[in-house]
C-alpha atoms as a PDB file:
ATOM      1  CA  UNK A   1      83.108  35.631  48.185  1.00  0.00           C
ATOM      2  CA  UNK A   2      81.845  39.174  47.331  1.00  0.00           C
ATOM      3  CA  UNK A   3      83.449  40.550  50.533  1.00  0.00           C
ATOM      4  CA  UNK A   4      86.754  41.603  48.891  1.00  0.00           C
ATOM      5  CA  UNK A   5      89.555  43.275  50.605  1.00  0.00           C
ATOM      6  CA  UNK A   6      88.623  46.878  50.096  1.00  0.00           C
ATOM      7  CA  UNK A   7      84.938  46.372  50.844  1.00  0.00           C
ATOM      8  CA  UNK A   8      85.968  44.855  54.152  1.00  0.00           C
ATOM      9  CA  UNK A   9      89.008  46.794  54.995  1.00  0.00           C
ATOM     10  CA  UNK A  10      87.659  50.324  54.636  1.00  0.00           C
ATOM     11  CA  UNK A  11      84.495  49.808  56.900  1.00  0.00           C
ATOM     12  CA  UNK A  12      86.407  47.735  59.361  1.00  0.00           C
ATOM     13  CA  UNK A  13      89.476  49.917  59.549  1.00  0.00           C
ATOM     14  CA  UNK A  14      86.952  52.893  60.044  1.00  0.00           C
ATOM     15  CA  UNK A  15      85.234  50.984  62.817  1.00  0.00           C
ATOM     16  CA  UNK A  16      88.362  50.204  64.615  1.00  0.00           C
ATOM     17  CA  UNK A  17      89.542  53.860  64.363  1.00  0.00           C
ATOM     18  CA  UNK A  18      86.307  55.026  65.743  1.00  0.00           C
ATOM     19  CA  UNK A  19      86.264  52.640  68.794  1.00  0.00           C
ATOM     20  CA  UNK A  20      88.367  54.891  71.070  1.00  0.00           C
ATOM     21  CA  UNK A  21      86.038  57.749  70.277  1.00  0.00           C
ATOM     22  CA  UNK A  22      82.976  55.691  71.016  1.00  0.00           C
ATOM     23  CA  UNK A  23      84.521  54.579  74.264  1.00  0.00           C
ATOM     24  CA  UNK A  24      85.309  58.333  75.306  1.00  0.00           C
ATOM     25  CA  UNK A  25      81.661  59.143  74.524  1.00  0.00           C
ATOM     26  CA  UNK A  26      80.665  56.332  76.944  1.00  0.00           C
ATOM     27  CA  UNK A  27      82.602  57.808  79.619  1.00  0.00           C
ATOM     28  CA  UNK A  28      80.981  61.275  79.283  1.00  0.00           C
ATOM     29  CA  UNK A  29      77.445  59.936  78.378  1.00  0.00           C
ATOM     30  CA  UNK A  30      74.828  59.573  81.039  1.00  0.00           C
ATOM     31  CA  UNK A  31      73.619  56.364  82.167  1.00  0.00           C
ATOM     32  CA  UNK A  32      70.565  55.016  80.297  1.00  0.00           C
ATOM     33  CA  UNK A  33      69.811  55.192  76.537  1.00  0.00           C
ATOM     34  CA  UNK A  34      73.200  56.575  75.314  1.00  0.00           C
ATOM     35  CA  UNK A  35      75.116  54.056  77.424  1.00  0.00           C
ATOM     36  CA  UNK A  36      73.081  51.192  76.183  1.00  0.00           C
ATOM     37  CA  UNK A  37      73.462  52.322  72.619  1.00  0.00           C
ATOM     38  CA  UNK A  38      77.128  52.578  72.952  1.00  0.00           C
ATOM     39  CA  UNK A  39      77.359  49.136  74.404  1.00  0.00           C
ATOM     40  CA  UNK A  40      75.548  47.659  71.529  1.00  0.00           C
ATOM     41  CA  UNK A  41      77.617  49.375  68.985  1.00  0.00           C
ATOM     42  CA  UNK A  42      80.822  48.172  70.738  1.00  0.00           C
ATOM     43  CA  UNK A  43      79.381  44.581  70.731  1.00  0.00           C
ATOM     44  CA  UNK A  44      78.657  45.099  66.925  1.00  0.00           C
ATOM     45  CA  UNK A  45      82.289  46.262  66.308  1.00  0.00           C
ATOM     46  CA  UNK A  46      83.587  43.115  67.992  1.00  0.00           C
ATOM     47  CA  UNK A  47      81.380  40.892  65.858  1.00  0.00           C
ATOM     48  CA  UNK A  48      82.531  42.793  62.673  1.00  0.00           C
ATOM     49  CA  UNK A  49      86.163  42.062  63.814  1.00  0.00           C
ATOM     50  CA  UNK A  50      85.125  38.375  64.064  1.00  0.00           C
ATOM     51  CA  UNK A  51      83.565  38.555  60.543  1.00  0.00           C
ATOM     52  CA  UNK A  52      80.158  37.890  61.940  1.00  0.00           C
ATOM     53  CA  UNK A  53      78.576  40.603  59.999  1.00  0.00           C
ATOM     54  CA  UNK A  54      74.940  39.400  60.057  1.00  0.00           C
ATOM     55  CA  UNK A  55      75.033  39.235  63.963  1.00  0.00           C
ATOM     56  CA  UNK A  56      76.761  42.667  64.005  1.00  0.00           C
ATOM     57  CA  UNK A  57      74.036  44.131  61.860  1.00  0.00           C
ATOM     58  CA  UNK A  58      71.399  43.001  64.301  1.00  0.00           C
ATOM     59  CA  UNK A  59      73.253  44.629  67.187  1.00  0.00           C
ATOM     60  CA  UNK A  60      73.612  47.975  65.237  1.00  0.00           C
ATOM     61  CA  UNK A  61      69.837  47.824  64.536  1.00  0.00           C
ATOM     62  CA  UNK A  62      69.077  47.425  68.177  1.00  0.00           C
ATOM     63  CA  UNK A  63      71.273  50.456  68.853  1.00  0.00           C
ATOM     64  CA  UNK A  64      69.471  52.487  66.282  1.00  0.00           C
ATOM     65  CA  UNK A  65      66.134  51.599  67.832  1.00  0.00           C
ATOM     66  CA  UNK A  66      67.300  52.890  71.149  1.00  0.00           C
ATOM     67  CA  UNK A  67      68.483  56.342  70.184  1.00  0.00           C
ATOM     68  CA  UNK A  68      68.063  56.832  66.349  1.00  0.00           C
ATOM     69  CA  UNK A  69      71.476  58.273  66.092  1.00  0.00           C
ATOM     70  CA  UNK A  70      73.485  58.884  62.800  1.00  0.00           C
ATOM     71  CA  UNK A  71      76.396  56.876  64.277  1.00  0.00           C
ATOM     72  CA  UNK A  72      74.232  53.736  64.681  1.00  0.00           C
ATOM     73  CA  UNK A  73      72.711  54.215  61.208  1.00  0.00           C
ATOM     74  CA  UNK A  74      76.188  54.462  59.629  1.00  0.00           C
ATOM     75  CA  UNK A  75      77.285  51.256  61.318  1.00  0.00           C
ATOM     76  CA  UNK A  76      74.171  49.605  59.852  1.00  0.00           C
ATOM     77  CA  UNK A  77      75.118  50.754  56.400  1.00  0.00           C
ATOM     78  CA  UNK A  78      78.646  49.618  56.742  1.00  0.00           C
ATOM     79  CA  UNK A  79      77.549  46.180  57.975  1.00  0.00           C
ATOM     80  CA  UNK A  80      75.110  45.880  54.981  1.00  0.00           C
ATOM     81  CA  UNK A  81      77.935  46.880  52.563  1.00  0.00           C
ATOM     82  CA  UNK A  82      80.075  44.014  53.977  1.00  0.00           C
ATOM     83  CA  UNK A  83      77.071  41.696  53.325  1.00  0.00           C
ATOM     84  CA  UNK A  84      76.655  42.922  49.737  1.00  0.00           C
ATOM     85  CA  UNK A  85      73.273  44.581  50.384  1.00  0.00           C
ATOM     86  CA  UNK A  86      74.217  47.540  48.235  1.00  0.00           C
ATOM     87  CA  UNK A  87      70.746  49.225  47.839  1.00  0.00           C
ATOM     88  CA  UNK A  88      70.034  49.028  51.689  1.00  0.00           C
ATOM     89  CA  UNK A  89      73.545  50.279  52.522  1.00  0.00           C
ATOM     90  CA  UNK A  90      73.240  53.243  50.205  1.00  0.00           C
ATOM     91  CA  UNK A  91      69.939  54.281  51.652  1.00  0.00           C
ATOM     92  CA  UNK A  92      71.089  53.930  55.191  1.00  0.00           C
ATOM     93  CA  UNK A  93      74.417  55.738  54.684  1.00  0.00           C
ATOM     94  CA  UNK A  94      72.589  58.653  52.823  1.00  0.00           C
ATOM     95  CA  UNK A  95      70.313  58.990  55.883  1.00  0.00           C
ATOM     96  CA  UNK A  96      73.254  58.848  58.255  1.00  0.00           C
ATOM     97  CA  UNK A  97      75.049  61.670  56.450  1.00  0.00           C
ATOM     98  CA  UNK A  98      72.015  63.923  56.984  1.00  0.00           C
ATOM     99  CA  UNK A  99      72.639  63.900  60.778  1.00  0.00           C
ATOM    100  CA  UNK A 100      74.855  67.025  60.453  1.00  0.00           C
ATOM    101  CA  UNK A 101      74.300  68.050  63.997  1.00  0.00           C
ATOM    102  CA  UNK A 102      76.141  64.888  65.406  1.00  0.00           C
ATOM    103  CA  UNK A 103      79.811  65.488  66.171  1.00  0.00           C
ATOM    104  CA  UNK A 104      80.646  61.812  65.323  1.00  0.00           C
ATOM    105  CA  UNK A 105      79.245  62.156  61.868  1.00  0.00           C
ATOM    106  CA  UNK A 106      80.999  65.473  61.283  1.00  0.00           C
ATOM    107  CA  UNK A 107      84.403  64.015  62.371  1.00  0.00           C
ATOM    108  CA  UNK A 108      84.054  60.917  60.158  1.00  0.00           C
ATOM    109  CA  UNK A 109      82.272  62.415  57.176  1.00  0.00           C
ATOM    110  CA  UNK A 110      85.232  61.951  54.733  1.00  0.00           C
ATOM    111  CA  UNK A 111      85.473  58.188  55.624  1.00  0.00           C
ATOM    112  CA  UNK A 112      81.792  57.784  55.214  1.00  0.00           C
ATOM    113  CA  UNK A 113      81.846  59.456  51.844  1.00  0.00           C
ATOM    114  CA  UNK A 114      84.614  57.229  50.771  1.00  0.00           C
ATOM    115  CA  UNK A 115      82.608  54.136  51.854  1.00  0.00           C
ATOM    116  CA  UNK A 116      79.621  55.652  49.833  1.00  0.00           C
ATOM    117  CA  UNK A 117      81.695  55.936  46.662  1.00  0.00           C
ATOM    118  CA  UNK A 118      82.871  52.261  47.094  1.00  0.00           C
ATOM    119  CA  UNK A 119      79.420  50.847  47.410  1.00  0.00           C
ATOM    120  CA  UNK A 120      77.865  52.877  44.643  1.00  0.00           C
ATOM    121  CA  UNK A 121      80.256  51.146  42.298  1.00  0.00           C
ATOM    122  CA  UNK A 122      77.963  48.074  42.715  1.00  0.00           C
ATOM    123  CA  UNK A 123      74.784  50.089  41.751  1.00  0.00           C
ATOM    124  CA  UNK A 124      73.171  51.328  38.565  1.00  0.00           C
ATOM    125  CA  UNK A 125      69.726  52.295  37.316  1.00  0.00           C
ATOM    126  CA  UNK A 126      66.841  50.795  35.224  1.00  0.00           C
ATOM    127  CA  UNK A 127      64.930  53.112  32.858  1.00  0.00           C
ATOM    128  CA  UNK A 128      61.508  51.797  31.728  1.00  0.00           C
ATOM    129  CA  UNK A 129      60.370  54.118  28.825  1.00  0.00           C
ATOM    130  CA  UNK A 130      57.102  53.230  27.058  1.00  0.00           C
ATOM    131  CA  UNK A 131      53.334  53.335  27.663  1.00  0.00           C
ATOM    132  CA  UNK A 132      52.047  54.761  30.918  1.00  0.00           C
ATOM    133  CA  UNK A 133      50.002  52.287  32.838  1.00  0.00           C
ATOM    134  CA  UNK A 134      48.817  51.626  36.416  1.00  0.00           C
ATOM    135  CA  UNK A 135      50.698  48.783  38.208  1.00  0.00           C
ATOM    136  CA  UNK A 136      53.994  47.899  39.986  1.00  0.00           C
ATOM    137  CA  UNK A 137      57.559  46.874  39.264  1.00  0.00           C
ATOM    138  CA  UNK A 138      59.492  44.188  40.984  1.00  0.00           C
ATOM    139  CA  UNK A 139      63.268  43.651  40.950  1.00  0.00           C
ATOM    140  CA  UNK A 140      64.661  40.289  41.989  1.00  0.00           C
ATOM    141  CA  UNK A 141      61.200  39.301  43.459  1.00  0.00           C
ATOM    142  CA  UNK A 142      60.798  42.472  45.587  1.00  0.00           C
ATOM    143  CA  UNK A 143      58.424  45.211  44.679  1.00  0.00           C
ATOM    144  CA  UNK A 144      60.295  48.435  44.373  1.00  0.00           C
ATOM    145  CA  UNK A 145      57.910  51.010  42.643  1.00  0.00           C
ATOM    146  CA  UNK A 146      54.406  51.542  41.395  1.00  0.00           C
ATOM    147  CA  UNK A 147      53.366  52.623  37.892  1.00  0.00           C
ATOM    148  CA  UNK A 148      53.500  55.230  36.436  1.00  0.00           C
ATOM    149  CA  UNK A 149      57.199  55.704  37.408  1.00  0.00           C
ATOM    150  CA  UNK A 150      58.621  59.187  38.250  1.00  0.00           C
ATOM    151  CA  UNK A 151      62.196  58.417  37.183  1.00  0.00           C
ATOM    152  CA  UNK A 152      64.836  55.617  36.863  1.00  0.00           C
ATOM    153  CA  UNK A 153      64.896  52.727  39.468  1.00  0.00           C
ATOM    154  CA  UNK A 154      68.027  52.052  41.550  1.00  0.00           C
ATOM    155  CA  UNK A 155      69.213  48.510  41.111  1.00  0.00           C
ATOM    156  CA  UNK A 156      72.290  46.368  41.852  1.00  0.00           C
ATOM    157  CA  UNK A 157      74.795  46.073  39.068  1.00  0.00           C
ATOM    158  CA  UNK A 158      74.855  42.814  37.179  1.00  0.00           C
ATOM    159  CA  UNK A 159      72.008  40.528  36.011  1.00  0.00           C
ATOM    160  CA  UNK A 160      68.621  41.224  37.765  1.00  0.00           C
ATOM    161  CA  UNK A 161      65.144  39.718  37.339  1.00  0.00           C
ATOM    162  CA  UNK A 162      62.612  42.443  36.284  1.00  0.00           C
ATOM    163  CA  UNK A 163      58.923  42.000  36.479  1.00  0.00           C
ATOM    164  CA  UNK A 164      56.234  44.546  35.522  1.00  0.00           C
ATOM    165  CA  UNK A 165      52.513  44.088  36.241  1.00  0.00           C
ATOM    166  CA  UNK A 166      49.819  46.364  34.943  1.00  0.00           C
ATOM    167  CA  UNK A 167      46.081  45.941  35.395  1.00  0.00           C
ATOM    168  CA  UNK A 168      44.432  44.316  32.253  1.00  0.00           C
ATOM    169  CA  UNK A 169      47.756  43.382  30.594  1.00  0.00           C
ATOM    170  CA  UNK A 170      50.082  40.347  30.429  1.00  0.00           C
ATOM    171  CA  UNK A 171      52.900  40.533  32.965  1.00  0.00           C
ATOM    172  CA  UNK A 172      56.271  41.497  31.544  1.00  0.00           C
ATOM    173  CA  UNK A 173      59.332  39.587  32.821  1.00  0.00           C
ATOM    174  CA  UNK A 174      62.910  39.885  31.762  1.00  0.00           C
ATOM    175  CA  UNK A 175      66.512  39.475  32.820  1.00  0.00           C
ATOM    176  CA  UNK A 176      68.256  42.827  32.692  1.00  0.00           C
ATOM    177  CA  UNK A 177      72.036  43.364  32.791  1.00  0.00           C
ATOM    178  CA  UNK A 178      72.552  46.578  34.796  1.00  0.00           C
ATOM    179  CA  UNK A 179      75.889  48.403  34.263  1.00  0.00           C
ATOM    180  CA  UNK A 180      77.605  49.908  37.273  1.00  0.00           C
ATOM    181  CA  UNK A 181      77.101  53.663  37.791  1.00  0.00           C
ATOM    182  CA  UNK A 182      75.008  53.764  34.577  1.00  0.00           C
ATOM    183  CA  UNK A 183      71.416  53.159  33.474  1.00  0.00           C
ATOM    184  CA  UNK A 184      69.978  50.174  31.553  1.00  0.00           C
ATOM    185  CA  UNK A 185      67.039  51.033  29.231  1.00  0.00           C
ATOM    186  CA  UNK A 186      64.172  48.492  28.885  1.00  0.00           C
ATOM    187  CA  UNK A 187      61.278  49.875  26.761  1.00  0.00           C
ATOM    188  CA  UNK A 188      57.947  48.383  27.916  1.00  0.00           C
ATOM    189  CA  UNK A 189      55.321  47.020  25.485  1.00  0.00           C
ATOM    190  CA  UNK A 190      52.145  45.918  27.083  1.00  0.00           C
ATOM    191  CA  UNK A 191      49.906  43.216  25.581  1.00  0.00           C
ATOM    192  CA  UNK A 192      46.251  43.251  26.493  1.00  0.00           C
ATOM    193  CA  UNK A 193      45.307  40.064  28.523  1.00  0.00           C
ATOM    194  CA  UNK A 194      42.065  39.863  26.476  1.00  0.00           C
ATOM    195  CA  UNK A 195      44.129  38.411  23.674  1.00  0.00           C
ATOM    196  CA  UNK A 196      44.596  35.120  25.301  1.00  0.00           C
ATOM    197  CA  UNK A 197      41.075  35.066  27.043  1.00  0.00           C
ATOM    198  CA  UNK A 198      38.959  35.760  24.006  1.00  0.00           C
ATOM    199  CA  UNK A 199      36.308  32.942  23.485  1.00  0.00           C
ATOM    200  CA  UNK A 200      35.050  31.667  20.243  1.00  0.00           C
ATOM    201  CA  UNK A 201      31.589  32.828  19.024  1.00  0.00           C
ATOM    202  CA  UNK A 202      28.709  30.935  20.575  1.00  0.00           C
ATOM    203  CA  UNK A 203      26.769  28.608  18.366  1.00  0.00           C
ATOM    204  CA  UNK A 204      23.604  28.699  20.357  1.00  0.00           C
ATOM    205  CA  UNK A 205      21.825  31.054  17.992  1.00  0.00           C
ATOM    206  CA  UNK A 206      22.436  28.820  14.952  1.00  0.00           C
ATOM    207  CA  UNK A 207      21.059  25.768  16.857  1.00  0.00           C
ATOM    208  CA  UNK A 208      17.849  27.685  17.826  1.00  0.00           C
ATOM    209  CA  UNK A 209      17.111  28.835  14.228  1.00  0.00           C
ATOM    210  CA  UNK A 210      18.102  25.519  12.651  1.00  0.00           C
ATOM    211  CA  UNK A 211      20.458  27.167  10.306  1.00  0.00           C
ATOM    212  CA  UNK A 212      24.035  25.830   9.954  1.00  0.00           C
ATOM    213  CA  UNK A 213      26.595  28.238  11.273  1.00  0.00           C
ATOM    214  CA  UNK A 214      29.711  28.809   9.217  1.00  0.00           C
ATOM    215  CA  UNK A 215      32.913  27.124  10.474  1.00  0.00           C
ATOM    216  CA  UNK A 216      34.923  29.564  12.661  1.00  0.00           C
ATOM    217  CA  UNK A 217      38.067  30.750  10.910  1.00  0.00           C
ATOM    218  CA  UNK A 218      40.265  29.369  13.702  1.00  0.00           C
ATOM    219  CA  UNK A 219      43.238  27.049  13.218  1.00  0.00           C
ATOM    220  CA  UNK A 220      42.639  23.474  14.365  1.00  0.00           C
ATOM    221  CA  UNK A 221      44.459  22.651  17.582  1.00  0.00           C
ATOM    222  CA  UNK A 222      45.411  19.107  16.268  1.00  0.00           C
ATOM    223  CA  UNK A 223      47.332  20.799  13.484  1.00  0.00           C
ATOM    224  CA  UNK A 224      48.874  23.724  15.198  1.00  0.00           C
ATOM    225  CA  UNK A 225      49.874  21.995  18.480  1.00  0.00           C
ATOM    226  CA  UNK A 226      52.712  19.911  16.849  1.00  0.00           C
ATOM    227  CA  UNK A 227      53.989  23.154  15.034  1.00  0.00           C
ATOM    228  CA  UNK A 228      54.171  25.122  18.264  1.00  0.00           C
ATOM    229  CA  UNK A 229      55.595  22.036  20.076  1.00  0.00           C
ATOM    230  CA  UNK A 230      58.358  21.725  17.443  1.00  0.00           C
ATOM    231  CA  UNK A 231      59.140  25.403  17.721  1.00  0.00           C
ATOM    232  CA  UNK A 232      59.327  25.274  21.466  1.00  0.00           C
ATOM    233  CA  UNK A 233      61.494  22.166  21.380  1.00  0.00           C
ATOM    234  CA  UNK A 234      63.935  23.907  19.168  1.00  0.00           C
ATOM    235  CA  UNK A 235      63.998  26.922  21.536  1.00  0.00           C
ATOM    236  CA  UNK A 236      64.676  24.546  24.498  1.00  0.00           C
ATOM    237  CA  UNK A 237      67.660  23.092  22.601  1.00  0.00           C
ATOM    238  CA  UNK A 238      68.938  26.674  22.054  1.00  0.00           C
ATOM    239  CA  UNK A 239      68.323  27.673  25.737  1.00  0.00           C
ATOM    240  CA  UNK A 240      70.064  24.500  26.870  1.00  0.00           C
ATOM    241  CA  UNK A 241      73.124  25.178  24.606  1.00  0.00           C
ATOM    242  CA  UNK A 242      73.203  28.698  26.082  1.00  0.00           C
ATOM    243  CA  UNK A 243      73.176  27.323  29.712  1.00  0.00           C
ATOM    244  CA  UNK A 244      76.003  24.917  28.854  1.00  0.00           C
ATOM    245  CA  UNK A 245      78.076  27.567  27.129  1.00  0.00           C
ATOM    246  CA  UNK A 246      77.790  29.943  30.080  1.00  0.00           C
ATOM    247  CA  UNK A 247      78.459  27.032  32.497  1.00  0.00           C
ATOM    248  CA  UNK A 248      81.792  26.595  30.744  1.00  0.00           C
ATOM    249  CA  UNK A 249      82.474  30.194  30.760  1.00  0.00           C
ATOM    250  CA  UNK A 250      81.745  30.548  34.480  1.00  0.00           C
ATOM    251  CA  UNK A 251      84.127  27.660  35.270  1.00  0.00           C
ATOM    252  CA  UNK A 252      86.880  29.187  33.248  1.00  0.00           C
ATOM    253  CA  UNK A 253      86.383  32.543  34.827  1.00  0.00           C
ATOM    254  CA  UNK A 254      86.337  30.969  38.241  1.00  0.00           C
ATOM    255  CA  UNK A 255      89.584  29.099  37.559  1.00  0.00           C
ATOM    256  CA  UNK A 256      91.237  32.374  36.424  1.00  0.00           C
ATOM    257  CA  UNK A 257      89.920  34.107  39.555  1.00  0.00           C
ATOM    258  CA  UNK A 258      91.488  31.525  41.884  1.00  0.00           C
ATOM    259  CA  UNK A 259      94.695  31.481  39.933  1.00  0.00           C
ATOM    260  CA  UNK A 260      95.144  35.157  40.690  1.00  0.00           C
ATOM    261  CA  UNK A 261      94.872  34.468  44.457  1.00  0.00           C
ATOM    262  CA  UNK A 262      91.698  36.640  44.742  1.00  0.00           C
ATOM    263  CA  UNK A 263      89.942  36.400  48.111  1.00  0.00           C
ATOM    264  CA  UNK A 264      89.537  38.166  51.526  1.00  0.00           C
ATOM    265  CA  UNK A 265      93.259  38.750  51.542  1.00  0.00           C
ATOM    266  CA  UNK A 266      93.602  40.293  48.137  1.00  0.00           C
ATOM    267  CA  UNK A 267      96.218  43.143  48.011  1.00  0.00           C
ATOM    268  CA  UNK A 268      94.891  46.544  47.107  1.00  0.00           C
ATOM    269  CA  UNK A 269      96.636  46.586  43.755  1.00  0.00           C
ATOM    270  CA  UNK A 270      94.883  43.550  42.552  1.00  0.00           C
ATOM    271  CA  UNK A 271      91.450  44.502  43.905  1.00  0.00           C
ATOM    272  CA  UNK A 272      89.981  46.002  40.788  1.00  0.00           C
ATOM    273  CA  UNK A 273      91.075  43.121  38.608  1.00  0.00           C
ATOM    274  CA  UNK A 274      89.651  40.618  41.099  1.00  0.00           C
ATOM    275  CA  UNK A 275      86.420  42.542  41.393  1.00  0.00           C
ATOM    276  CA  UNK A 276      85.965  42.706  37.664  1.00  0.00           C
ATOM    277  CA  UNK A 277      86.614  38.995  37.327  1.00  0.00           C
ATOM    278  CA  UNK A 278      84.249  38.256  40.123  1.00  0.00           C
ATOM    279  CA  UNK A 279      81.469  40.285  38.385  1.00  0.00           C
ATOM    280  CA  UNK A 280      82.143  38.364  35.206  1.00  0.00           C
ATOM    281  CA  UNK A 281      81.721  35.120  37.163  1.00  0.00           C
ATOM    282  CA  UNK A 282      78.380  36.373  38.529  1.00  0.00           C
ATOM    283  CA  UNK A 283      77.054  37.463  35.105  1.00  0.00           C
ATOM    284  CA  UNK A 284      77.877  34.187  33.623  1.00  0.00           C
ATOM    285  CA  UNK A 285      76.306  32.340  36.560  1.00  0.00           C
ATOM    286  CA  UNK A 286      73.064  34.194  36.147  1.00  0.00           C
ATOM    287  CA  UNK A 287      72.966  33.509  32.304  1.00  0.00           C
ATOM    288  CA  UNK A 288      73.796  29.821  32.989  1.00  0.00           C
ATOM    289  CA  UNK A 289      70.781  29.573  35.364  1.00  0.00           C
ATOM    290  CA  UNK A 290      68.584  31.401  32.920  1.00  0.00           C
ATOM    291  CA  UNK A 291      69.566  29.060  30.071  1.00  0.00           C
ATOM    292  CA  UNK A 292      69.028  25.912  32.177  1.00  0.00           C
ATOM    293  CA  UNK A 293      65.664  27.171  33.559  1.00  0.00           C
ATOM    294  CA  UNK A 294      64.499  28.223  30.120  1.00  0.00           C
ATOM    295  CA  UNK A 295      65.345  24.885  28.561  1.00  0.00           C
ATOM    296  CA  UNK A 296      63.395  23.051  31.327  1.00  0.00           C
ATOM    297  CA  UNK A 297      60.294  25.237  30.926  1.00  0.00           C
ATOM    298  CA  UNK A 298      60.389  25.171  27.107  1.00  0.00           C
ATOM    299  CA  UNK A 299      60.891  21.455  26.930  1.00  0.00           C
ATOM    300  CA  UNK A 300      58.087  20.806  29.308  1.00  0.00           C
ATOM    301  CA  UNK A 301      55.643  22.762  27.255  1.00  0.00           C
ATOM    302  CA  UNK A 302      56.950  21.240  24.036  1.00  0.00           C
ATOM    303  CA  UNK A 303      56.424  17.693  25.302  1.00  0.00           C
ATOM    304  CA  UNK A 304      52.905  18.653  26.414  1.00  0.00           C
ATOM    305  CA  UNK A 305      52.046  20.043  22.981  1.00  0.00           C
ATOM    306  CA  UNK A 306      53.618  17.160  21.097  1.00  0.00           C
ATOM    307  CA  UNK A 307      52.457  14.213  23.180  1.00  0.00           C
ATOM    308  CA  UNK A 308      49.808  15.420  25.725  1.00  0.00           C
ATOM    309  CA  UNK A 309      46.826  17.604  25.903  1.00  0.00           C
ATOM    310  CA  UNK A 310      43.104  17.067  26.434  1.00  0.00           C
ATOM    311  CA  UNK A 311      42.154  17.429  22.776  1.00  0.00           C
ATOM    312  CA  UNK A 312      43.279  13.945  21.840  1.00  0.00           C
ATOM    313  CA  UNK A 313      40.257  11.682  21.611  1.00  0.00           C
ATOM    314  CA  UNK A 314      37.772  14.513  22.111  1.00  0.00           C
ATOM    315  CA  UNK A 315      35.299  15.785  19.522  1.00  0.00           C
ATOM    316  CA  UNK A 316      35.790  18.837  17.380  1.00  0.00           C
ATOM    317  CA  UNK A 317      32.806  20.488  19.087  1.00  0.00           C
ATOM    318  CA  UNK A 318      34.558  20.166  22.482  1.00  0.00           C
ATOM    319  CA  UNK A 319      37.848  21.652  21.195  1.00  0.00           C
ATOM    320  CA  UNK A 320      36.064  24.661  19.666  1.00  0.00           C
ATOM    321  CA  UNK A 321      33.944  25.334  22.955  1.00  0.00           C
ATOM    322  CA  UNK A 322      37.170  25.214  24.907  1.00  0.00           C
ATOM    323  CA  UNK A 323      38.654  28.026  22.717  1.00  0.00           C
ATOM    324  CA  UNK A 324      41.834  28.168  20.653  1.00  0.00           C
ATOM    325  CA  UNK A 325      43.477  31.481  20.156  1.00  0.00           C
ATOM    326  CA  UNK A 326      46.968  32.905  19.287  1.00  0.00           C
ATOM    327  CA  UNK A 327      47.743  36.536  19.432  1.00  0.00           C
ATOM    328  CA  UNK A 328      50.998  38.426  18.702  1.00  0.00           C
ATOM    329  CA  UNK A 329      52.210  41.867  19.149  1.00  0.00           C
ATOM    330  CA  UNK A 330      55.505  43.671  18.458  1.00  0.00           C
ATOM    331  CA  UNK A 331      58.088  43.481  21.272  1.00  0.00           C
ATOM    332  CA  UNK A 332      61.350  45.311  21.840  1.00  0.00           C
ATOM    333  CA  UNK A 333      63.529  45.803  18.836  1.00  0.00           C
ATOM    334  CA  UNK A 334      62.512  43.495  15.902  1.00  0.00           C
ATOM    335  CA  UNK A 335      61.066  40.798  18.211  1.00  0.00           C
ATOM    336  CA  UNK A 336      57.513  39.463  18.215  1.00  0.00           C
ATOM    337  CA  UNK A 337      55.818  38.346  21.504  1.00  0.00           C
ATOM    338  CA  UNK A 338      52.971  35.906  21.067  1.00  0.00           C
ATOM    339  CA  UNK A 339      50.488  34.279  23.528  1.00  0.00           C
ATOM    340  CA  UNK A 340      47.807  31.709  22.995  1.00  0.00           C
ATOM    341  CA  UNK A 341      45.311  29.329  24.637  1.00  0.00           C
ATOM    342  CA  UNK A 342      45.137  25.655  23.534  1.00  0.00           C
END
């Protein structure tokens, strides 16, 4: 659905316009590598016209492996653009434009730069200010950088899943809304992993001396579990309500999108309105999924704390030996991030 008219029409019109040039080059090229490369590119163009963009991408990659030409690399980028792989398309198109010595790149530079401007409208940045640690950053499940960072991270516009891992600290996971052509700032606050792994003081010394050890000043799990369970149950209800609300919003936006006649044949004057509506549908869909997923996780933990757990029927000594700890630290804004072991 994301392959709208301008996204497809610009690369495809460009490919069709370049086809006679590619054929002329084939006539003048010697047999061997260049002829094989050109044949693969022509095959990829035919697949693009048939809207088989994934198969065309594979043909262009084989052409690139043969001769490493800027023309093949540009075709790879345009196929990735049609597939909505904005980050890969930008990287490959930037590399293709560096092949200044190729006459094909020089002749079609203006068209390639126009394609670059189009695809960069689907990209933004993520800035991660805060403490400097050693670790790595993942976006949408893919590692993209190591800590400490040297600058903002390139990311697709819209809602993305951000994960930050640092040695000795709890992982940071967030859903970040990245604006197009602009940065999203996500300050990082690291919480030491030792806060949730700290054991209770050993009672072995008191046993050996015969002295009675003072009762540890730790909350009883039997009293605090229901409290945490009730809090998480309420949070699950809120998360479910959020998911339902954005589900309704997504359906309304999808209906409006269809009523405008948006799709592969959308006219150029409607493209921007259709694209903005499609981005709104995508954002609502991500938030709907996040709401439903959060409700499922929170309700599961709440049920465990309220009705399950290994401390029922066990002695107080066993619970204390297992360890119970809750630690909190300030999070972004006025928030508070807590973690514990039950």
